[in-house]
Amino acid sequence: MMNKYFLAVCGVLVGLPAYGQTASVERELIKVEYELTQAVADRDVAALNQLYADEFLSTDSEGMVWTKSQDIAIDTEGASRVTSFTLEDLRVQVYGDVAVVTGRIATKGTLAGAASEGRSRFTDVFVKRDGRWQCVANHTTAMGEGF
């Protein structure tokens, strides 16, 4: 009887460092999500160049696919602009040096010069390289009213 309890306690203690490490990586990726979204709001080309991998691809709500340079240009040039955002329901799944972050984002800003608000669900895929996480893929789906 004592052996079962001893083995159960050992199993929990062995798993604790891994849980702490996973929670730390999750916090790190959530921080990167906020940095990425803030870089869009700030129109910070240098930050976006660091946060997006060279092979980054973004698929928008209409099914259009954009490369890194195209996506950065869309986010930092022209009359349309995100001025504020709220991230919600963030979930992180880590697979070694690859991670998937999903969530919701509510944005406010301007679209073609007029005030605009939107809510979307997103999926971002990250790869850890040279000690930092970079986004390699993004997919966004617009949410209808009432969500």
N, C-alpha and C. Protein backbone atom coordinates (compact mmCIF):
# COMPACT_ATOMS: atom_id res chain seq x y z
N MET A 1 0.83 -1.18 0.00
CA MET A 1 0.00 0.00 0.00
C MET A 1 0.88 1.25 0.00
N MET A 2 1.90 1.26 0.83
CA MET A 2 2.79 2.41 0.92
C MET A 2 3.50 2.67 -0.40
N ASN A 3 3.82 1.63 -1.16
CA ASN A 3 4.53 1.78 -2.42
C ASN A 3 3.71 2.56 -3.44
N LYS A 4 2.37 2.36 -3.48
CA LYS A 4 1.51 3.08 -4.41
C LYS A 4 1.56 4.58 -4.13
N TYR A 5 1.46 4.95 -2.86
CA TYR A 5 1.49 6.37 -2.49
C TYR A 5 2.85 6.98 -2.80
N PHE A 6 3.90 6.24 -2.49
CA PHE A 6 5.25 6.73 -2.76
C PHE A 6 5.44 6.97 -4.25
N LEU A 7 5.01 6.04 -5.08
CA LEU A 7 5.14 6.19 -6.52
C LEU A 7 4.29 7.35 -7.05
N ALA A 8 3.10 7.53 -6.50
CA ALA A 8 2.23 8.64 -6.92
C ALA A 8 2.88 9.98 -6.58
N VAL A 9 3.43 10.11 -5.38
CA VAL A 9 4.08 11.35 -4.97
C VAL A 9 5.31 11.61 -5.84
N CYS A 10 6.08 10.58 -6.10
CA CYS A 10 7.27 10.73 -6.96
C CYS A 10 6.85 11.18 -8.36
N GLY A 11 5.78 10.62 -8.88
CA GLY A 11 5.30 11.01 -10.20
C GLY A 11 4.90 12.47 -10.26
N VAL A 12 4.24 12.95 -9.22
CA VAL A 12 3.85 14.36 -9.16
C VAL A 12 5.09 15.24 -9.07
N LEU A 13 6.04 14.88 -8.21
CA LEU A 13 7.24 15.69 -8.04
C LEU A 13 8.09 15.73 -9.30
N VAL A 14 8.17 14.64 -10.02
CA VAL A 14 8.93 14.61 -11.26
C VAL A 14 8.27 15.50 -12.31
N GLY A 15 6.94 15.55 -12.34
CA GLY A 15 6.21 16.36 -13.32
C GLY A 15 6.21 17.84 -13.02
N LEU A 16 6.48 18.26 -11.79
CA LEU A 16 6.42 19.68 -11.44
C LEU A 16 7.39 20.56 -12.23
N PRO A 17 8.65 20.18 -12.39
CA PRO A 17 9.54 21.04 -13.18
C PRO A 17 9.04 21.21 -14.61
N ALA A 18 8.51 20.17 -15.21
CA ALA A 18 8.01 20.26 -16.59
C ALA A 18 6.81 21.20 -16.65
N TYR A 19 5.92 21.11 -15.64
CA TYR A 19 4.76 22.00 -15.61
C TYR A 19 5.22 23.45 -15.49
N GLY A 20 6.16 23.72 -14.61
CA GLY A 20 6.67 25.08 -14.43
C GLY A 20 7.30 25.60 -15.70
N GLN A 21 8.02 24.74 -16.39
CA GLN A 21 8.66 25.12 -17.65
C GLN A 21 7.60 25.41 -18.71
N THR A 22 6.56 24.58 -18.79
CA THR A 22 5.49 24.79 -19.77
C THR A 22 4.76 26.08 -19.48
N ALA A 23 4.45 26.35 -18.23
CA ALA A 23 3.74 27.58 -17.86
C ALA A 23 4.59 28.80 -18.22
N SER A 24 5.89 28.71 -18.05
CA SER A 24 6.79 29.81 -18.40
C SER A 24 6.78 30.06 -19.91
N VAL A 25 6.80 29.01 -20.70
CA VAL A 25 6.76 29.14 -22.16
C VAL A 25 5.41 29.72 -22.58
N GLU A 26 4.33 29.30 -21.95
CA GLU A 26 3.01 29.85 -22.26
C GLU A 26 2.98 31.34 -21.99
N ARG A 27 3.49 31.77 -20.85
CA ARG A 27 3.54 33.20 -20.52
C ARG A 27 4.38 33.96 -21.54
N GLU A 28 5.50 33.37 -21.94
CA GLU A 28 6.39 34.00 -22.91
C GLU A 28 5.67 34.19 -24.25
N LEU A 29 4.92 33.19 -24.70
CA LEU A 29 4.22 33.29 -25.97
C LEU A 29 3.05 34.28 -25.90
N ILE A 30 2.37 34.35 -24.78
CA ILE A 30 1.31 35.34 -24.61
C ILE A 30 1.91 36.74 -24.67
N LYS A 31 3.07 36.92 -24.06
CA LYS A 31 3.77 38.21 -24.13
C LYS A 31 4.11 38.55 -25.58
N VAL A 32 4.57 37.57 -26.34
CA VAL A 32 4.90 37.79 -27.75
C VAL A 32 3.65 38.18 -28.53
N GLU A 33 2.51 37.56 -28.22
CA GLU A 33 1.24 37.93 -28.89
C GLU A 33 0.91 39.40 -28.64
N TYR A 34 1.07 39.84 -27.40
CA TYR A 34 0.81 41.25 -27.09
C TYR A 34 1.81 42.17 -27.80
N GLU A 35 3.07 41.76 -27.84
CA GLU A 35 4.08 42.56 -28.55
C GLU A 35 3.76 42.66 -30.03
N LEU A 36 3.34 41.56 -30.62
CA LEU A 36 3.00 41.53 -32.03
C LEU A 36 1.82 42.46 -32.32
N THR A 37 0.78 42.36 -31.53
CA THR A 37 -0.41 43.19 -31.73
C THR A 37 -0.09 44.66 -31.48
N GLN A 38 0.72 44.94 -30.48
CA GLN A 38 1.11 46.33 -30.21
C GLN A 38 1.95 46.89 -31.34
N ALA A 39 2.81 46.06 -31.92
CA ALA A 39 3.63 46.50 -33.07
C ALA A 39 2.73 46.88 -34.25
N VAL A 40 1.64 46.14 -34.46
CA VAL A 40 0.70 46.50 -35.52
C VAL A 40 0.05 47.84 -35.19
N ALA A 41 -0.44 48.02 -33.96
CA ALA A 41 -1.08 49.27 -33.56
C ALA A 41 -0.12 50.45 -33.67
N ASP A 42 1.16 50.22 -33.35
CA ASP A 42 2.18 51.27 -33.40
C ASP A 42 2.77 51.45 -34.79
N ARG A 43 2.40 50.57 -35.71
CA ARG A 43 2.98 50.57 -37.07
C ARG A 43 4.50 50.46 -37.01
N ASP A 44 4.97 49.56 -36.17
CA ASP A 44 6.40 49.39 -35.89
C ASP A 44 6.98 48.32 -36.83
N VAL A 45 7.50 48.76 -37.96
CA VAL A 45 8.03 47.86 -38.98
C VAL A 45 9.19 47.02 -38.43
N ALA A 46 10.09 47.65 -37.68
CA ALA A 46 11.26 46.94 -37.15
C ALA A 46 10.83 45.80 -36.22
N ALA A 47 9.87 46.07 -35.34
CA ALA A 47 9.39 45.03 -34.42
C ALA A 47 8.71 43.90 -35.20
N LEU A 48 7.90 44.23 -36.17
CA LEU A 48 7.22 43.19 -36.96
C LEU A 48 8.23 42.35 -37.73
N ASN A 49 9.28 42.97 -38.24
CA ASN A 49 10.32 42.20 -38.93
C ASN A 49 11.00 41.21 -38.01
N GLN A 50 11.12 41.53 -36.72
CA GLN A 50 11.71 40.62 -35.75
C GLN A 50 10.73 39.53 -35.32
N LEU A 51 9.45 39.88 -35.19
CA LEU A 51 8.45 38.94 -34.68
C LEU A 51 7.96 37.95 -35.73
N TYR A 52 8.01 38.34 -37.00
CA TYR A 52 7.61 37.44 -38.09
C TYR A 52 8.84 36.76 -38.67
N ALA A 53 8.76 35.46 -38.89
CA ALA A 53 9.84 34.73 -39.57
C ALA A 53 9.86 35.14 -41.04
N ASP A 54 10.98 34.94 -41.71
CA ASP A 54 11.08 35.30 -43.13
C ASP A 54 10.04 34.60 -43.98
N GLU A 55 9.69 33.37 -43.63
CA GLU A 55 8.72 32.58 -44.41
C GLU A 55 7.28 32.78 -43.94
N PHE A 56 7.04 33.76 -43.08
CA PHE A 56 5.71 34.04 -42.54
C PHE A 56 4.66 34.17 -43.65
N LEU A 57 3.51 33.53 -43.42
CA LEU A 57 2.35 33.66 -44.30
C LEU A 57 1.12 33.94 -43.44
N SER A 58 0.29 34.85 -43.91
CA SER A 58 -0.94 35.20 -43.21
C SER A 58 -2.12 34.93 -44.13
N THR A 59 -3.13 34.24 -43.61
CA THR A 59 -4.37 34.01 -44.36
C THR A 59 -5.46 34.80 -43.68
N ASP A 60 -6.10 35.70 -44.45
CA ASP A 60 -7.11 36.57 -43.84
C ASP A 60 -8.51 35.97 -43.96
N SER A 61 -9.49 36.71 -43.44
CA SER A 61 -10.88 36.23 -43.40
C SER A 61 -11.48 35.97 -44.78
N GLU A 62 -10.96 36.63 -45.79
CA GLU A 62 -11.47 36.41 -47.15
C GLU A 62 -10.71 35.31 -47.89
N GLY A 63 -9.73 34.71 -47.23
CA GLY A 63 -8.97 33.64 -47.86
C GLY A 63 -7.75 34.11 -48.62
N MET A 64 -7.44 35.39 -48.55
CA MET A 64 -6.24 35.92 -49.20
C MET A 64 -5.01 35.53 -48.37
N VAL A 65 -3.93 35.22 -49.06
CA VAL A 65 -2.68 34.84 -48.41
C VAL A 65 -1.65 35.93 -48.67
N TRP A 66 -0.99 36.35 -47.59
CA TRP A 66 -0.03 37.44 -47.65
C TRP A 66 1.33 36.98 -47.13
N THR A 67 2.40 37.41 -47.80
CA THR A 67 3.76 37.14 -47.33
C THR A 67 4.11 38.10 -46.20
N LYS A 68 5.26 37.89 -45.61
CA LYS A 68 5.73 38.76 -44.53
C LYS A 68 5.75 40.22 -44.97
N SER A 69 6.40 40.50 -46.09
CA SER A 69 6.53 41.91 -46.51
C SER A 69 5.17 42.50 -46.88
N GLN A 70 4.30 41.72 -47.50
CA GLN A 70 2.97 42.21 -47.84
C GLN A 70 2.15 42.50 -46.57
N ASP A 71 2.21 41.60 -45.61
CA ASP A 71 1.44 41.77 -44.38
C ASP A 71 1.93 42.98 -43.59
N ILE A 72 3.23 43.15 -43.50
CA ILE A 72 3.78 44.31 -42.79
C ILE A 72 3.35 45.60 -43.48
N ALA A 73 3.38 45.62 -44.81
CA ALA A 73 2.95 46.82 -45.53
C ALA A 73 1.47 47.12 -45.27
N ILE A 74 0.63 46.10 -45.26
CA ILE A 74 -0.80 46.28 -44.99
C ILE A 74 -0.99 46.86 -43.59
N ASP A 75 -0.22 46.36 -42.62
CA ASP A 75 -0.38 46.78 -41.23
C ASP A 75 0.24 48.15 -40.91
N THR A 76 1.14 48.63 -41.75
CA THR A 76 1.88 49.84 -41.38
C THR A 76 1.72 51.01 -42.35
N GLU A 77 1.08 50.81 -43.48
CA GLU A 77 0.94 51.87 -44.47
C GLU A 77 -0.53 52.10 -44.79
N GLY A 78 -0.82 53.22 -45.36
CA GLY A 78 -2.17 53.49 -45.86
C GLY A 78 -3.12 54.05 -44.83
N ALA A 79 -4.37 54.24 -45.27
CA ALA A 79 -5.39 54.91 -44.45
C ALA A 79 -5.99 53.98 -43.39
N SER A 80 -5.96 52.68 -43.61
CA SER A 80 -6.53 51.74 -42.64
C SER A 80 -5.52 51.48 -41.52
N ARG A 81 -6.05 51.46 -40.29
CA ARG A 81 -5.14 51.31 -39.16
C ARG A 81 -5.85 50.77 -37.93
N VAL A 82 -5.20 49.85 -37.22
CA VAL A 82 -5.66 49.38 -35.92
C VAL A 82 -5.10 50.36 -34.88
N THR A 83 -5.98 50.91 -34.04
CA THR A 83 -5.52 51.85 -33.02
C THR A 83 -5.56 51.25 -31.62
N SER A 84 -6.42 50.25 -31.40
CA SER A 84 -6.45 49.57 -30.10
C SER A 84 -6.94 48.14 -30.29
N PHE A 85 -6.64 47.32 -29.31
CA PHE A 85 -6.99 45.91 -29.41
C PHE A 85 -7.21 45.33 -28.02
N THR A 86 -7.95 44.24 -27.99
CA THR A 86 -8.13 43.45 -26.78
C THR A 86 -7.98 41.99 -27.15
N LEU A 87 -7.04 41.30 -26.52
CA LEU A 87 -6.86 39.87 -26.73
C LEU A 87 -7.65 39.13 -25.66
N GLU A 88 -8.33 38.05 -26.07
CA GLU A 88 -9.16 37.27 -25.14
C GLU A 88 -9.00 35.78 -25.44
N ASP A 89 -9.34 34.97 -24.45
CA ASP A 89 -9.41 33.51 -24.61
C ASP A 89 -8.14 32.93 -25.24
N LEU A 90 -6.98 33.42 -24.80
CA LEU A 90 -5.71 32.93 -25.35
C LEU A 90 -5.41 31.53 -24.83
N ARG A 91 -5.06 30.67 -25.76
CA ARG A 91 -4.67 29.30 -25.42
C ARG A 91 -3.37 28.97 -26.14
N VAL A 92 -2.47 28.34 -25.42
CA VAL A 92 -1.15 28.03 -25.95
C VAL A 92 -0.92 26.54 -25.89
N GLN A 93 -0.47 25.98 -27.00
CA GLN A 93 -0.07 24.57 -27.06
C GLN A 93 1.38 24.55 -27.52
N VAL A 94 2.25 23.89 -26.76
CA VAL A 94 3.67 23.88 -27.05
C VAL A 94 4.10 22.47 -27.45
N TYR A 95 4.86 22.39 -28.54
CA TYR A 95 5.37 21.12 -29.06
C TYR A 95 6.87 21.28 -29.28
N GLY A 96 7.62 21.35 -28.20
CA GLY A 96 9.06 21.56 -28.31
C GLY A 96 9.35 22.99 -28.75
N ASP A 97 9.96 23.12 -29.94
CA ASP A 97 10.30 24.44 -30.47
C ASP A 97 9.22 24.99 -31.40
N VAL A 98 8.04 24.39 -31.36
CA VAL A 98 6.89 24.86 -32.14
C VAL A 98 5.74 25.07 -31.16
N ALA A 99 4.97 26.14 -31.39
CA ALA A 99 3.83 26.42 -30.53
C ALA A 99 2.69 26.99 -31.36
N VAL A 100 1.48 26.72 -30.90
CA VAL A 100 0.27 27.24 -31.53
C VAL A 100 -0.46 28.07 -30.49
N VAL A 101 -0.79 29.30 -30.86
CA VAL A 101 -1.56 30.19 -29.99
C VAL A 101 -2.87 30.50 -30.68
N THR A 102 -3.98 30.29 -29.98
CA THR A 102 -5.29 30.63 -30.51
C THR A 102 -5.96 31.61 -29.55
N GLY A 103 -6.89 32.36 -30.10
CA GLY A 103 -7.61 33.30 -29.25
C GLY A 103 -8.57 34.16 -30.05
N ARG A 104 -9.10 35.15 -29.35
CA ARG A 104 -9.98 36.15 -29.98
C ARG A 104 -9.30 37.50 -29.87
N ILE A 105 -9.59 38.36 -30.85
CA ILE A 105 -9.09 39.72 -30.80
C ILE A 105 -10.21 40.67 -31.20
N ALA A 106 -10.38 41.71 -30.40
CA ALA A 106 -11.30 42.79 -30.72
C ALA A 106 -10.44 44.00 -31.08
N THR A 107 -10.72 44.61 -32.23
CA THR A 107 -9.92 45.74 -32.68
C THR A 107 -10.79 46.96 -32.91
N LYS A 108 -10.16 48.10 -32.75
CA LYS A 108 -10.77 49.39 -33.12
C LYS A 108 -9.75 50.11 -33.97
N GLY A 109 -10.25 50.93 -34.88
CA GLY A 109 -9.35 51.68 -35.72
C GLY A 109 -10.09 52.38 -36.83
N THR A 110 -9.40 52.52 -37.96
CA THR A 110 -10.00 53.12 -39.13
C THR A 110 -9.83 52.19 -40.32
N LEU A 111 -10.83 52.17 -41.18
CA LEU A 111 -10.80 51.38 -42.41
C LEU A 111 -11.22 52.31 -43.53
N ALA A 112 -10.29 52.59 -44.43
CA ALA A 112 -10.53 53.52 -45.54
C ALA A 112 -11.02 54.87 -45.01
N GLY A 113 -10.47 55.32 -43.89
CA GLY A 113 -10.79 56.63 -43.34
C GLY A 113 -11.98 56.68 -42.41
N ALA A 114 -12.76 55.62 -42.29
CA ALA A 114 -13.94 55.60 -41.43
C ALA A 114 -13.66 54.76 -40.18
N ALA A 115 -14.31 55.12 -39.07
CA ALA A 115 -14.16 54.35 -37.82
C ALA A 115 -14.58 52.90 -38.07
N SER A 116 -13.86 51.99 -37.45
CA SER A 116 -14.12 50.57 -37.67
C SER A 116 -13.85 49.78 -36.39
N GLU A 117 -14.66 48.74 -36.17
CA GLU A 117 -14.44 47.80 -35.08
C GLU A 117 -14.61 46.40 -35.63
N GLY A 118 -13.89 45.46 -35.06
CA GLY A 118 -14.03 44.08 -35.51
C GLY A 118 -13.66 43.09 -34.42
N ARG A 119 -14.18 41.89 -34.56
CA ARG A 119 -13.84 40.79 -33.66
C ARG A 119 -13.48 39.59 -34.53
N SER A 120 -12.40 38.95 -34.18
CA SER A 120 -11.92 37.80 -34.96
C SER A 120 -11.39 36.72 -34.04
N ARG A 121 -11.34 35.53 -34.56
CA ARG A 121 -10.60 34.43 -33.94
C ARG A 121 -9.33 34.28 -34.77
N PHE A 122 -8.27 33.89 -34.09
CA PHE A 122 -7.00 33.73 -34.81
C PHE A 122 -6.26 32.49 -34.34
N THR A 123 -5.39 32.02 -35.20
CA THR A 123 -4.44 30.97 -34.89
C THR A 123 -3.08 31.44 -35.36
N ASP A 124 -2.10 31.47 -34.47
CA ASP A 124 -0.73 31.82 -34.81
C ASP A 124 0.16 30.62 -34.53
N VAL A 125 1.06 30.33 -35.44
CA VAL A 125 2.02 29.24 -35.28
C VAL A 125 3.40 29.88 -35.12
N PHE A 126 4.09 29.49 -34.05
CA PHE A 126 5.41 30.03 -33.75
C PHE A 126 6.47 28.94 -33.79
N VAL A 127 7.70 29.35 -34.13
CA VAL A 127 8.87 28.48 -34.07
C VAL A 127 9.92 29.21 -33.26
N LYS A 128 10.58 28.48 -32.36
CA LYS A 128 11.64 29.10 -31.56
C LYS A 128 12.97 28.94 -32.29
N ARG A 129 13.59 30.09 -32.57
CA ARG A 129 14.87 30.11 -33.27
C ARG A 129 15.79 31.10 -32.57
N ASP A 130 17.03 30.72 -32.41
CA ASP A 130 18.02 31.61 -31.80
C ASP A 130 17.52 32.19 -30.48
N GLY A 131 16.81 31.38 -29.71
CA GLY A 131 16.36 31.79 -28.39
C GLY A 131 15.13 32.67 -28.35
N ARG A 132 14.46 32.88 -29.49
CA ARG A 132 13.26 33.72 -29.50
C ARG A 132 12.18 33.10 -30.39
N TRP A 133 10.94 33.41 -30.06
CA TRP A 133 9.80 32.90 -30.81
C TRP A 133 9.49 33.82 -31.99
N GLN A 134 9.29 33.22 -33.16
CA GLN A 134 8.88 33.96 -34.35
C GLN A 134 7.62 33.33 -34.92
N CYS A 135 6.72 34.17 -35.37
CA CYS A 135 5.48 33.70 -35.98
C CYS A 135 5.76 33.28 -37.42
N VAL A 136 5.38 32.07 -37.79
CA VAL A 136 5.57 31.57 -39.15
C VAL A 136 4.27 31.53 -39.94
N ALA A 137 3.13 31.52 -39.23
CA ALA A 137 1.84 31.47 -39.92
C ALA A 137 0.76 32.06 -39.03
N ASN A 138 -0.20 32.71 -39.69
CA ASN A 138 -1.35 33.29 -39.00
C ASN A 138 -2.58 33.03 -39.85
N HIS A 139 -3.69 32.73 -39.18
CA HIS A 139 -4.98 32.62 -39.86
C HIS A 139 -6.00 33.35 -39.00
N THR A 140 -6.80 34.18 -39.64
CA THR A 140 -7.80 34.97 -38.93
C THR A 140 -9.16 34.72 -39.55
N THR A 141 -10.17 34.56 -38.70
CA THR A 141 -11.57 34.39 -39.13
C THR A 141 -12.41 35.44 -38.42
N ALA A 142 -13.14 36.24 -39.21
CA ALA A 142 -14.01 37.25 -38.62
C ALA A 142 -15.15 36.56 -37.87
N MET A 143 -15.54 37.20 -36.75
CA MET A 143 -16.66 36.69 -35.95
C MET A 143 -17.88 37.57 -36.23
N GLY A 144 -19.04 36.96 -36.31
CA GLY A 144 -20.27 37.71 -36.52
C GLY A 144 -20.70 38.44 -35.27
N GLU A 145 -21.80 39.14 -35.38
CA GLU A 145 -22.36 39.89 -34.24
C GLU A 145 -22.78 38.92 -33.12
N GLY A 146 -22.67 39.37 -31.90
CA GLY A 146 -23.16 38.61 -30.76
C GLY A 146 -22.19 37.58 -30.20
N PHE A 147 -20.97 37.53 -30.69
CA PHE A 147 -20.02 36.56 -30.18
C PHE A 147 -19.09 37.18 -29.18
